N, C-alpha and C. Protein backbone atom coordinates (compact mmCIF):
# COMPACT_ATOMS: atom_id res chain seq x y z
N MET A 1 0.95 -1.45 -0.07
CA MET A 1 0.07 0.01 -0.18
C MET A 1 1.16 1.37 -0.22
N ASP A 2 0.87 2.25 -0.68
CA ASP A 2 1.63 3.58 -0.96
C ASP A 2 1.27 4.35 0.08
N ASP A 3 1.69 5.31 0.17
CA ASP A 3 1.69 6.50 1.01
C ASP A 3 0.31 7.47 0.85
N ASN A 4 -0.11 7.25 -0.65
CA ASN A 4 -1.25 7.91 -0.52
C ASN A 4 -2.44 7.43 -0.16
N ASN A 5 -2.29 5.80 -0.19
CA ASN A 5 -3.54 5.09 0.02
C ASN A 5 -3.58 5.24 1.88
N CYS A 6 -2.55 5.48 2.36
CA CYS A 6 -2.46 5.48 3.81
C CYS A 6 -3.31 6.79 4.34
N ARG A 7 -2.48 7.83 3.46
CA ARG A 7 -3.22 9.23 3.92
C ARG A 7 -4.62 9.27 3.66
N ASP A 8 -5.37 8.41 2.72
CA ASP A 8 -6.40 8.39 2.56
C ASP A 8 -7.30 7.81 3.46
N HIS A 9 -6.55 6.64 3.81
CA HIS A 9 -7.23 5.89 5.21
C HIS A 9 -7.02 6.61 6.64
N SER A 10 -6.09 7.37 6.50
CA SER A 10 -5.75 7.88 8.19
C SER A 10 -6.72 9.12 8.45
N CYS A 11 -6.90 9.98 7.47
CA CYS A 11 -7.50 11.05 7.61
C CYS A 11 -8.82 10.95 7.81
N PRO A 12 -9.46 9.91 7.91
CA PRO A 12 -11.24 9.77 8.50
C PRO A 12 -11.04 9.47 9.71
N CYS A 13 -9.88 8.40 10.11
CA CYS A 13 -9.94 8.11 11.52
C CYS A 13 -9.21 9.15 12.15
N TYR A 14 -8.54 9.80 12.05
CA TYR A 14 -8.49 11.05 12.66
C TYR A 14 -9.16 12.03 12.92
N GLN A 15 -10.21 12.41 12.02
CA GLN A 15 -11.12 13.20 11.90
C GLN A 15 -12.13 12.56 13.22
N MET A 16 -12.35 11.27 12.88
CA MET A 16 -12.94 10.49 14.12
C MET A 16 -12.84 10.71 15.57
N LYS A 17 -11.49 10.46 15.72
CA LYS A 17 -10.72 10.94 17.08
C LYS A 17 -11.02 12.09 17.42
N MET A 18 -10.93 13.07 16.73
CA MET A 18 -11.13 14.43 17.17
C MET A 18 -12.49 14.84 17.47
N LEU A 19 -13.37 14.34 16.74
CA LEU A 19 -14.99 14.30 16.91
C LEU A 19 -14.95 13.69 17.91
N ILE A 20 -14.58 12.57 18.38
CA ILE A 20 -15.14 12.09 19.85
C ILE A 20 -14.43 12.70 20.89
N LEU A 21 -13.15 13.15 20.94
CA LEU A 21 -12.34 13.87 21.84
C LEU A 21 -13.43 15.22 22.05
N PHE A 22 -13.54 15.94 20.88
CA PHE A 22 -14.49 17.12 21.24
C PHE A 22 -15.68 17.06 22.22
N SER A 23 -16.72 15.83 21.37
CA SER A 23 -17.51 15.60 22.06
C SER A 23 -17.33 15.05 23.44
N GLY A 24 -16.57 14.43 23.94
CA GLY A 24 -16.04 13.99 25.44
C GLY A 24 -16.02 15.48 26.02
N ILE A 25 -15.11 16.70 25.60
CA ILE A 25 -15.13 18.07 26.40
C ILE A 25 -16.46 18.43 26.41
N ILE A 26 -17.32 18.53 25.36
CA ILE A 26 -18.64 19.06 25.56
C ILE A 26 -19.60 18.50 26.47
N MET A 27 -19.49 17.20 26.58
CA MET A 27 -20.23 16.51 27.69
C MET A 27 -19.73 16.61 28.98
N LEU A 28 -18.48 16.81 28.99
CA LEU A 28 -17.67 17.00 30.54
C LEU A 28 -17.87 18.36 30.71
N PHE A 29 -17.85 19.29 29.87
CA PHE A 29 -18.39 20.63 30.41
C PHE A 29 -19.94 20.56 30.72
N ALA A 30 -20.69 20.10 29.81
CA ALA A 30 -22.15 20.13 30.29
C ALA A 30 -22.07 19.59 31.85
N LEU A 31 -21.63 18.50 32.20
CA LEU A 31 -22.02 18.04 33.26
C LEU A 31 -21.51 18.87 34.39
N LEU A 32 -20.37 19.64 34.12
CA LEU A 32 -19.93 20.39 35.33
C LEU A 32 -20.75 21.38 35.51
N THR A 33 -21.46 21.96 34.42
CA THR A 33 -22.34 23.23 34.68
C THR A 33 -23.52 22.87 35.09
N ALA A 34 -24.21 21.78 35.03
CA ALA A 34 -25.27 20.90 35.76
C ALA A 34 -24.89 20.72 37.10
N CYS A 35 -23.94 20.47 37.61
CA CYS A 35 -23.20 20.40 38.64
C CYS A 35 -23.28 21.60 39.68
N GLY A 36 -22.87 22.32 39.05
CA GLY A 36 -22.69 23.98 39.34
C GLY A 36 -24.00 24.30 39.85
N ARG A 37 -24.79 24.18 38.79
CA ARG A 37 -26.32 24.78 39.07
C ARG A 37 -26.85 23.91 40.09
N GLN A 38 -26.88 22.37 40.28
CA GLN A 38 -27.27 22.15 41.61
C GLN A 38 -26.60 22.39 42.74
N GLU A 39 -25.46 22.88 42.63
CA GLU A 39 -25.05 22.99 44.03
C GLU A 39 -25.65 24.52 44.49
N ASN A 40 -25.75 25.45 43.65
CA ASN A 40 -26.44 27.06 43.66
C ASN A 40 -27.54 26.75 44.14
N LYS A 41 -28.67 25.77 43.79
CA LYS A 41 -29.89 25.88 43.86
C LYS A 41 -29.71 25.25 45.43
N LYS A 42 -28.90 24.15 45.98
CA LYS A 42 -28.95 23.87 47.24
C LYS A 42 -28.50 25.04 48.10
N VAL A 43 -27.68 25.89 47.97
CA VAL A 43 -27.54 26.81 48.58
C VAL A 43 -28.52 27.88 48.87
N GLU A 44 -29.03 28.34 47.73
CA GLU A 44 -30.42 29.24 47.75
C GLU A 44 -31.22 28.59 48.65
N GLU A 45 -31.67 27.05 48.39
CA GLU A 45 -32.42 26.67 49.43
C GLU A 45 -32.14 26.72 50.79
N LYS A 46 -30.81 26.47 51.40
CA LYS A 46 -30.54 26.65 52.74
C LYS A 46 -30.74 27.93 53.12
N SER A 47 -30.22 29.31 52.04
CA SER A 47 -30.40 30.61 52.52
C SER A 47 -32.02 30.98 52.96
N GLU A 48 -32.99 30.50 51.79
CA GLU A 48 -34.26 30.71 51.99
C GLU A 48 -34.66 30.19 53.42
N THR A 49 -34.36 28.87 53.48
CA THR A 49 -34.62 28.17 55.07
C THR A 49 -34.48 28.79 56.07
N GLN A 50 -33.06 29.22 56.18
CA GLN A 50 -32.43 30.19 57.19
C GLN A 50 -33.44 31.48 57.35
N GLU A 51 -33.88 32.27 56.24
CA GLU A 51 -34.71 33.26 56.38
C GLU A 51 -36.08 33.04 56.79
N GLU A 52 -36.10 32.30 56.86
CA GLU A 52 -37.79 32.01 57.29
C GLU A 52 -37.56 31.27 58.74
N GLY A 53 -36.59 30.56 58.83
CA GLY A 53 -36.46 30.57 60.52
C GLY A 53 -36.20 31.97 61.43
N ASP A 54 -35.29 32.91 60.44
CA ASP A 54 -35.18 34.06 61.28
C ASP A 54 -36.50 34.61 61.45
N SER A 55 -37.36 34.75 60.24
CA SER A 55 -38.31 35.56 60.43
C SER A 55 -39.55 34.98 61.54
N GLU A 56 -39.37 33.75 62.03
CA GLU A 56 -40.16 33.29 63.05
C GLU A 56 -39.77 33.93 64.70
N TRP A 57 -38.30 34.83 64.58
CA TRP A 57 -37.99 35.38 65.99
C TRP A 57 -38.29 37.13 65.62
N THR A 58 -39.30 37.42 64.55
CA THR A 58 -39.48 38.85 64.63
C THR A 58 -39.76 39.50 65.83
N GLY A 59 -39.17 40.38 66.02
CA GLY A 59 -39.25 41.36 67.27
C GLY A 59 -38.24 40.93 68.61
N LEU A 60 -37.87 39.82 68.26
CA LEU A 60 -36.69 39.13 69.15
C LEU A 60 -35.06 39.55 68.74
N ASN A 61 -34.60 39.64 69.93
CA ASN A 61 -32.83 39.71 69.55
C ASN A 61 -32.22 38.73 68.97
N SER A 62 -32.84 37.40 69.47
CA SER A 62 -31.92 36.06 69.23
C SER A 62 -32.82 35.04 69.70
N PRO A 63 -32.80 33.47 69.17
CA PRO A 63 -33.28 32.84 69.90
C PRO A 63 -32.92 32.43 71.23
N GLU A 64 -31.87 32.94 71.80
CA GLU A 64 -31.46 32.90 72.72
C GLU A 64 -32.72 33.75 74.05
N GLN A 65 -32.75 34.89 73.44
CA GLN A 65 -33.54 35.48 74.29
C GLN A 65 -35.11 35.29 74.54
N ALA A 66 -35.38 34.38 73.16
CA ALA A 66 -36.58 33.84 73.11
C ALA A 66 -36.85 32.73 74.41
N GLN A 67 -35.52 31.85 74.40
CA GLN A 67 -35.49 30.85 75.32
C GLN A 67 -35.92 31.60 76.64
N GLU A 68 -35.03 32.69 76.91
CA GLU A 68 -35.22 33.34 78.36
C GLU A 68 -36.59 33.57 78.34
N ILE A 69 -37.50 34.21 77.68
CA ILE A 69 -38.91 34.31 77.75
C ILE A 69 -39.79 33.09 78.02
N LEU A 70 -39.31 32.16 77.28
CA LEU A 70 -40.10 30.70 77.71
C LEU A 70 -39.78 30.55 79.32
N ASP A 71 -38.51 30.74 79.38
CA ASP A 71 -38.10 30.30 80.67
C ASP A 71 -38.72 31.04 81.83
N ALA A 72 -38.94 32.02 81.45
CA ALA A 72 -39.48 33.06 82.49
C ALA A 72 -41.13 32.77 82.60
N GLY A 73 -41.82 32.32 81.75
CA GLY A 73 -43.24 32.01 81.64
C GLY A 73 -43.04 30.73 82.34
N ASN A 74 -42.22 29.79 82.40
CA ASN A 74 -42.38 28.74 83.07
C ASN A 74 -41.80 28.73 84.32
N ASN A 75 -41.30 29.95 85.02
CA ASN A 75 -40.93 30.12 86.46
C ASN A 75 -41.84 30.70 86.95
N PRO A 76 -42.46 30.17 88.20
CA PRO A 76 -43.27 30.97 89.02
C PRO A 76 -42.99 32.15 89.80
N GLU A 77 -41.59 32.28 89.81
CA GLU A 77 -41.41 33.26 90.70
C GLU A 77 -41.07 34.68 89.61
N LYS A 78 -41.20 34.25 88.37
CA LYS A 78 -40.94 35.31 87.26
C LYS A 78 -42.17 35.90 86.47
N GLN A 79 -43.28 35.03 87.17
CA GLN A 79 -44.55 35.35 86.43
C GLN A 79 -45.18 36.51 87.26
N GLU A 80 -46.07 37.32 86.67
CA GLU A 80 -46.57 38.45 87.14
C GLU A 80 -47.53 37.89 88.27
N GLU A 81 -47.72 39.08 89.32
CA GLU A 81 -48.41 38.36 90.40
C GLU A 81 -49.99 38.81 89.91
N PRO A 82 -50.57 37.97 90.12
CA PRO A 82 -52.28 38.15 89.90
C PRO A 82 -52.95 39.96 90.97
N ASP A 83 -53.52 40.34 90.03
CA ASP A 83 -54.02 41.59 90.71
C ASP A 83 -55.00 41.30 92.31
N THR A 84 -53.90 41.51 93.00
CA THR A 84 -54.81 41.40 94.84
C THR A 84 -55.45 42.63 95.23
N HIS A 85 -55.54 43.86 94.26
CA HIS A 85 -56.16 44.95 94.84
C HIS A 85 -57.46 44.80 95.45
N LYS A 86 -57.67 44.95 96.61
CA LYS A 86 -58.86 44.94 97.32
C LYS A 86 -59.52 46.09 97.29
N PRO A 87 -60.96 46.41 97.45
CA PRO A 87 -61.59 47.44 97.63
C PRO A 87 -61.29 48.45 98.69
N LEU A 88 -61.17 49.50 98.75
CA LEU A 88 -61.12 50.44 99.76
C LEU A 88 -62.21 50.04 100.88
N LYS A 89 -61.78 49.90 102.03
CA LYS A 89 -62.71 49.56 103.46
C LYS A 89 -63.32 51.13 103.50
N LYS A 90 -64.62 50.84 103.96
CA LYS A 90 -65.46 52.04 104.17
C LYS A 90 -65.69 52.26 105.63
N VAL A 91 -65.13 53.27 106.21
CA VAL A 91 -64.77 53.03 107.86
C VAL A 91 -66.00 54.39 108.17
N TYR A 92 -67.30 54.70 108.68
CA TYR A 92 -67.87 55.96 109.09
C TYR A 92 -67.15 56.07 110.27
N ILE A 93 -67.67 57.64 110.49
CA ILE A 93 -67.32 58.31 111.82
C ILE A 93 -68.54 58.32 112.75
N GLY A 94 -68.55 57.19 113.86
CA GLY A 94 -69.72 57.36 114.85
C GLY A 94 -70.93 56.77 113.71
N ASP A 95 -72.25 57.52 114.18
CA ASP A 95 -73.38 56.83 113.64
C ASP A 95 -73.65 57.64 112.43
N THR A 96 -72.58 58.64 111.73
CA THR A 96 -73.20 59.61 111.07
C THR A 96 -72.56 59.01 109.46
N ASN A 97 -73.41 59.66 108.55
CA ASN A 97 -72.95 59.13 107.22
C ASN A 97 -71.49 59.41 106.59
N VAL A 98 -70.76 60.23 107.54
CA VAL A 98 -69.55 60.88 106.85
C VAL A 98 -68.41 59.60 106.94
N LEU A 99 -67.65 59.74 105.94
CA LEU A 99 -66.60 58.32 105.71
C LEU A 99 -65.12 59.41 106.44
N CYS A 100 -64.63 57.93 106.96
CA CYS A 100 -63.14 58.23 107.30
C CYS A 100 -62.42 58.73 105.93
N GLY A 101 -61.63 59.58 105.74
CA GLY A 101 -61.12 59.55 104.81
C GLY A 101 -60.50 61.05 104.23
N VAL A 102 -60.17 61.37 102.96
CA VAL A 102 -59.88 62.79 102.37
C VAL A 102 -60.96 63.40 101.74
N TYR A 103 -61.05 64.60 102.20
CA TYR A 103 -62.25 65.57 101.64
C TYR A 103 -61.63 67.14 100.84
N ARG A 104 -62.17 67.05 99.91
CA ARG A 104 -61.77 68.15 99.11
C ARG A 104 -63.04 69.19 98.91
N ALA A 105 -62.65 70.52 98.34
CA ALA A 105 -63.89 71.28 98.32
C ALA A 105 -64.77 70.65 96.72
N GLU A 106 -65.81 70.87 97.15
CA GLU A 106 -66.59 70.24 96.17
C GLU A 106 -66.72 70.99 94.67
N GLU A 107 -66.57 72.43 94.87
CA GLU A 107 -66.83 73.00 93.38
C GLU A 107 -65.74 74.18 93.46
N GLY A 108 -65.80 74.84 92.29
CA GLY A 108 -64.30 75.75 92.28
C GLY A 108 -63.36 75.35 91.41
N GLU A 109 -62.67 76.34 90.65
CA GLU A 109 -61.70 76.21 89.70
C GLU A 109 -60.32 75.73 90.56
N TYR A 110 -60.34 75.96 92.03
CA TYR A 110 -59.19 75.51 92.77
C TYR A 110 -59.48 74.46 93.81
N ALA A 111 -60.55 73.74 93.30
CA ALA A 111 -60.91 72.66 94.02
C ALA A 111 -60.38 71.55 94.54
N ARG A 112 -59.26 70.97 93.19
CA ARG A 112 -58.51 70.03 93.61
C ARG A 112 -57.13 70.44 93.76
N GLU A 113 -56.60 71.68 92.93
CA GLU A 113 -55.44 71.94 92.88
C GLU A 113 -54.60 72.63 93.92
N ILE A 114 -55.38 73.66 94.41
CA ILE A 114 -54.80 74.14 95.53
C ILE A 114 -55.59 74.72 96.99
N GLY A 115 -57.04 73.86 96.40
CA GLY A 115 -57.81 74.45 97.23
C GLY A 115 -57.44 73.49 98.88
N PRO A 116 -58.29 73.93 99.88
CA PRO A 116 -58.23 73.36 101.15
C PRO A 116 -58.51 71.73 101.22
N GLU A 117 -57.99 71.15 102.32
CA GLU A 117 -58.12 69.59 102.34
C GLU A 117 -58.28 69.48 103.57
N LEU A 118 -59.17 68.27 104.09
CA LEU A 118 -59.39 67.81 105.31
C LEU A 118 -59.06 66.32 105.47
N CYS A 119 -58.53 65.51 106.30
CA CYS A 119 -58.50 64.41 106.47
C CYS A 119 -58.46 64.00 107.81
N LEU A 120 -59.71 62.82 107.84
CA LEU A 120 -60.04 62.27 109.00
C LEU A 120 -59.90 60.81 108.97
N TYR A 121 -58.49 60.61 109.68
CA TYR A 121 -58.06 59.19 109.98
C TYR A 121 -59.39 58.39 110.85
N PRO A 122 -59.04 57.02 110.62
CA PRO A 122 -60.03 56.07 111.33
C PRO A 122 -59.54 56.10 112.89
N ASN A 123 -58.66 56.33 113.36
CA ASN A 123 -58.06 56.47 114.54
C ASN A 123 -58.42 57.78 115.36
N GLY A 124 -59.25 58.56 115.20
CA GLY A 124 -59.81 59.77 115.56
C GLY A 124 -58.91 61.04 115.35
N GLU A 125 -57.80 60.89 114.63
CA GLU A 125 -56.71 62.00 114.27
C GLU A 125 -57.45 62.50 113.14
N GLY A 126 -56.94 64.14 112.84
CA GLY A 126 -57.60 64.41 111.58
C GLY A 126 -56.37 65.80 111.39
N SER A 127 -56.51 66.32 110.00
CA SER A 127 -55.76 67.45 109.67
C SER A 127 -56.62 68.34 109.06
N PHE A 128 -56.25 69.95 108.70
CA PHE A 128 -56.87 70.47 108.11
C PHE A 128 -56.06 71.58 107.39
N HIS A 129 -55.75 71.65 106.27
CA HIS A 129 -54.63 72.75 105.46
C HIS A 129 -55.70 73.74 104.79
N VAL A 130 -55.75 74.72 105.09
CA VAL A 130 -56.65 75.74 104.67
C VAL A 130 -56.35 76.09 103.45
N HIS A 131 -55.15 76.09 102.80
CA HIS A 131 -54.40 76.35 101.05
C HIS A 131 -53.37 75.70 100.96
N SER A 132 -52.80 75.35 99.71
CA SER A 132 -51.53 74.75 99.53
C SER A 132 -50.62 75.64 99.85
N ALA A 133 -50.79 77.18 99.64
CA ALA A 133 -49.94 78.11 99.82
C ALA A 133 -49.05 78.23 101.38
N SER A 134 -50.28 77.56 102.38
CA SER A 134 -50.00 77.80 103.72
C SER A 134 -49.04 76.51 104.26
N SER A 135 -47.82 77.17 104.88
CA SER A 135 -47.06 76.19 105.36
C SER A 135 -47.74 75.39 106.81
N TYR A 136 -48.65 75.96 107.26
CA TYR A 136 -49.00 75.41 108.49
C TYR A 136 -50.11 74.14 108.14
N ILE A 137 -50.11 73.16 108.70
CA ILE A 137 -51.60 72.35 109.05
C ILE A 137 -51.93 72.14 110.19
N ALA A 138 -53.15 72.59 110.57
CA ALA A 138 -53.84 72.28 111.67
C ALA A 138 -54.13 70.60 111.83
N SER A 139 -53.48 69.96 113.18
CA SER A 139 -53.58 68.71 113.30
C SER A 139 -53.89 68.36 114.76
N GLY A 140 -54.52 67.55 114.86
CA GLY A 140 -55.37 66.77 116.33
C GLY A 140 -56.24 66.00 116.26
N GLY A 141 -57.05 65.79 117.21
CA GLY A 141 -58.06 64.79 117.17
C GLY A 141 -59.34 65.70 116.95
N TYR A 142 -60.18 64.60 116.43
CA TYR A 142 -61.72 65.33 115.83
C TYR A 142 -62.73 64.24 116.57
N GLU A 143 -63.95 65.10 116.76
CA GLU A 143 -65.24 64.38 117.26
C GLU A 143 -66.49 64.75 116.56
N ALA A 144 -67.04 63.73 116.32
CA ALA A 144 -68.61 64.26 115.75
C ALA A 144 -69.57 64.32 116.85
N ALA A 145 -70.13 65.14 116.85
CA ALA A 145 -71.22 65.53 117.90
C ALA A 145 -72.17 66.71 117.63
N ASP A 146 -73.62 66.54 117.55
CA ASP A 146 -74.66 67.46 117.57
C ASP A 146 -74.70 67.82 116.09
N GLY A 147 -74.24 66.70 115.29
CA GLY A 147 -74.24 67.28 113.67
C GLY A 147 -73.03 67.98 112.89
N LYS A 148 -72.06 67.94 113.80
CA LYS A 148 -70.97 68.40 113.58
C LYS A 148 -69.66 67.45 113.74
N VAL A 149 -68.75 68.02 113.01
CA VAL A 149 -67.22 67.42 113.02
C VAL A 149 -66.39 68.53 113.51
N ILE A 150 -65.68 68.53 114.58
CA ILE A 150 -64.86 69.19 115.23
C ILE A 150 -63.51 68.62 115.25
N LEU A 151 -62.49 69.27 114.65
CA LEU A 151 -61.32 69.21 114.79
C LEU A 151 -60.44 69.92 115.36
N THR A 152 -60.02 69.69 116.84
CA THR A 152 -58.81 70.53 117.40
C THR A 152 -57.27 70.56 116.88
N ASP A 153 -56.91 71.77 117.16
CA ASP A 153 -55.55 71.88 116.53
C ASP A 153 -54.84 71.68 117.85
N GLU A 154 -54.25 70.49 118.08
CA GLU A 154 -53.27 70.38 119.41
C GLU A 154 -51.91 71.20 119.44
N PHE A 155 -51.32 71.80 118.26
CA PHE A 155 -50.18 72.27 118.11
C PHE A 155 -50.41 74.04 118.65
N SER A 156 -51.80 74.33 118.77
CA SER A 156 -52.13 75.67 118.67
C SER A 156 -51.87 76.17 120.28
N ASP A 157 -51.91 77.51 120.23
CA ASP A 157 -51.72 78.01 121.76
C ASP A 157 -52.91 77.77 122.37
N GLU A 158 -53.18 78.06 124.03
CA GLU A 158 -54.43 77.85 124.71
C GLU A 158 -55.31 79.10 124.56
N PRO A 159 -56.41 79.25 124.22
CA PRO A 159 -57.37 77.96 124.28
C PRO A 159 -56.90 77.74 122.67
N GLN A 160 -56.87 76.41 122.47
CA GLN A 160 -56.61 75.55 121.35
C GLN A 160 -57.67 75.91 120.18
N ASP A 161 -57.12 76.16 118.93
CA ASP A 161 -58.00 76.50 117.87
C ASP A 161 -58.91 75.17 117.53
N ILE A 162 -60.00 75.70 116.86
CA ILE A 162 -60.80 74.38 116.50
C ILE A 162 -61.51 74.71 115.24
N TYR A 163 -61.73 73.91 114.28
CA TYR A 163 -62.38 73.68 113.20
C TYR A 163 -63.51 73.26 112.88
N THR A 164 -64.87 73.89 112.55
CA THR A 164 -66.28 73.07 112.62
C THR A 164 -66.52 73.11 111.37
N PHE A 165 -67.24 71.88 111.40
CA PHE A 165 -67.81 71.47 109.91
C PHE A 165 -69.04 70.84 110.34
N GLU A 166 -70.13 71.68 109.82
CA GLU A 166 -71.57 70.74 109.91
C GLU A 166 -71.57 69.57 108.58
N ILE A 167 -71.96 68.45 109.45
CA ILE A 167 -72.48 67.27 108.64
C ILE A 167 -73.70 67.54 107.96
N ALA A 168 -73.80 67.51 106.46
CA ALA A 168 -74.76 67.68 105.92
C ALA A 168 -74.86 66.24 104.82
N ASP A 169 -75.84 65.14 105.28
CA ASP A 169 -75.66 63.71 104.80
C ASP A 169 -74.23 63.16 105.05
N ASN A 170 -73.51 63.18 103.60
CA ASN A 170 -72.41 62.62 103.67
C ASN A 170 -71.22 63.69 103.33
N LYS A 171 -71.81 65.06 103.33
CA LYS A 171 -70.72 65.97 103.11
C LYS A 171 -70.42 66.72 104.17
N LEU A 172 -69.35 67.55 104.10
CA LEU A 172 -69.14 68.66 105.28
C LEU A 172 -68.93 70.01 104.79
N ILE A 173 -69.62 70.86 105.85
CA ILE A 173 -69.73 72.55 105.27
C ILE A 173 -69.04 72.66 106.26
N PHE A 174 -67.97 73.60 105.79
CA PHE A 174 -67.00 74.61 106.65
C PHE A 174 -67.93 75.61 107.41
N LEU A 175 -67.81 75.85 108.79
CA LEU A 175 -68.26 76.98 109.64
C LEU A 175 -67.01 77.86 110.01
N ALA A 176 -66.97 78.86 109.21
CA ALA A 176 -65.81 79.86 109.58
C ALA A 176 -66.28 80.70 111.26
N ASP A 177 -67.38 80.85 110.94
CA ASP A 177 -67.70 81.79 112.29
C ASP A 177 -67.73 80.89 113.68
N GLU A 178 -67.63 79.51 113.55
CA GLU A 178 -67.80 78.79 114.73
C GLU A 178 -65.66 78.01 114.44
N SER A 179 -65.10 78.60 113.81
CA SER A 179 -63.89 77.86 113.71
C SER A 179 -62.84 79.11 114.09
N ALA A 180 -61.38 78.86 114.15
CA ALA A 180 -60.24 79.63 114.25
C ALA A 180 -60.31 80.59 113.02
N GLU A 181 -59.39 81.75 113.41
CA GLU A 181 -59.83 82.48 112.10
C GLU A 181 -58.65 81.86 111.05
N VAL A 182 -58.79 81.99 109.75
CA VAL A 182 -58.44 81.55 108.59
C VAL A 182 -57.65 82.49 107.45
N TRP A 183 -56.64 82.57 107.51
CA TRP A 183 -55.72 83.69 106.75
C TRP A 183 -56.13 83.44 105.42
N ASP A 184 -56.34 84.68 104.51
CA ASP A 184 -56.60 84.55 103.19
C ASP A 184 -55.48 84.41 102.14
N TYR A 185 -55.39 83.11 101.46
CA TYR A 185 -54.20 82.68 100.86
C TYR A 185 -54.66 83.15 99.44
N GLY A 186 -55.89 83.92 99.12
CA GLY A 186 -56.05 83.89 97.81
C GLY A 186 -56.90 82.81 97.44
N PRO A 187 -57.41 82.95 96.06
CA PRO A 187 -58.39 82.03 95.60
C PRO A 187 -58.11 80.68 96.20
N GLY A 188 -59.58 80.21 96.44
CA GLY A 188 -59.02 78.58 97.18
C GLY A 188 -58.93 78.70 98.13
N THR A 189 -58.91 79.63 99.07
CA THR A 189 -58.73 79.30 100.61
C THR A 189 -59.89 79.18 101.24
N ALA A 190 -60.16 78.24 102.37
CA ALA A 190 -61.23 77.88 102.81
C ALA A 190 -62.12 78.89 103.37
N ALA A 191 -63.46 78.95 102.94
CA ALA A 191 -64.21 79.90 103.45
C ALA A 191 -65.46 79.35 103.86
N ASP A 192 -66.03 80.28 104.54
CA ASP A 192 -67.43 79.95 105.37
C ASP A 192 -68.47 79.56 104.13
N GLY A 193 -69.01 78.13 104.39
CA GLY A 193 -69.97 77.76 103.90
C GLY A 193 -69.36 76.87 102.59
N MET A 194 -67.95 76.63 102.55
CA MET A 194 -67.36 75.76 101.59
C MET A 194 -68.02 74.58 101.81
N VAL A 195 -68.39 73.51 100.65
CA VAL A 195 -68.81 72.34 101.02
C VAL A 195 -67.56 71.31 100.74
N PHE A 196 -67.28 70.09 101.50
CA PHE A 196 -66.12 69.45 101.25
C PHE A 196 -66.75 68.04 100.91
N VAL A 197 -66.25 67.68 100.03
CA VAL A 197 -67.04 66.18 99.72
C VAL A 197 -65.51 65.04 99.81
N TYR A 198 -66.07 64.09 99.89
CA TYR A 198 -65.11 62.70 100.39
C TYR A 198 -64.20 62.15 98.88
N ASN A 199 -63.22 62.11 98.59
CA ASN A 199 -62.26 61.83 97.92
C ASN A 199 -61.74 60.38 97.70
N GLU A 200 -62.41 59.46 97.12
CA GLU A 200 -62.01 58.21 97.01
C GLU A 200 -60.52 57.96 96.80
N GLU A 201 -59.85 58.49 95.52
CA GLU A 201 -59.04 58.25 94.97
C GLU A 201 -57.66 58.77 95.69
N GLU A 202 -58.04 60.13 96.53
CA GLU A 202 -56.66 60.54 97.63
C GLU A 202 -56.94 60.02 98.94
N THR A 203 -58.23 59.27 99.11
CA THR A 203 -58.23 58.54 100.38
C THR A 203 -57.62 57.15 100.33
N GLU A 204 -57.69 56.51 99.25
CA GLU A 204 -56.75 55.39 98.72
C GLU A 204 -55.65 55.38 98.81
N TRP A 205 -54.93 56.57 98.26
CA TRP A 205 -53.54 56.94 97.97
C TRP A 205 -52.82 57.22 99.73
N TYR A 206 -53.42 57.97 100.41
CA TYR A 206 -52.92 58.27 101.85
C TYR A 206 -53.57 57.50 102.74
N MET A 207 -54.56 56.77 102.60
CA MET A 207 -55.03 56.00 103.84
C MET A 207 -55.32 54.84 103.64
N ALA A 208 -54.98 54.21 102.75
CA ALA A 208 -55.09 52.59 102.51
C ALA A 208 -54.88 51.86 103.36
N ASP A 209 -53.49 51.87 104.02
CA ASP A 209 -53.37 51.13 105.27
C ASP A 209 -53.89 51.52 106.55
N ASP A 210 -54.34 52.47 106.81
CA ASP A 210 -54.93 52.85 107.83
C ASP A 210 -56.74 52.25 108.07
N LEU A 211 -56.88 52.25 106.97
CA LEU A 211 -58.46 51.70 106.84
C LEU A 211 -58.61 50.13 106.58
N ASP A 212 -57.22 49.58 106.57
CA ASP A 212 -57.30 47.95 106.51
C ASP A 212 -58.03 47.33 107.34
């Protein structure tokens, strides 16, 4: 067989080998590409799963904080105590309709802000503040008699000052003519005929323990 015949036979063989080699490279590249896509898909799915898990902790700093909250809920010592607030006990003065407690002027612009305040404690002690601008508060024992409540200022000079209030059902009316002189501290100062009413909110604030 001469050289020309060899060339004629060898060329198709060479081309066939190159084609097979080229096809193999393409298949290998396609396989690597497919594997890469699969790996990226797994990474994306893992990331989405992590994000969903994080969304469950919305409003919390970390899963550890959430565990602390759960532990606190299971710990009786950390649970909020139930509301044990008891109604304010009603204590009347003698056989009257007047309650022991804090009394404020019924009407007027200064009834609650700077107006006078009368306190009658269940132990028979009381105090009378004629105006918030006054630095002196009359205090001492009180008694209910003849339709009146009379407070004696035990710290005043002899004869001791008294402050008289007429009982009108469950209200008290200040009787200036039967009381010690009251200095005028401006609007809101205790005056003759001023009506005082029971203030439950202030009574609970100042006398809750005394009325137990």
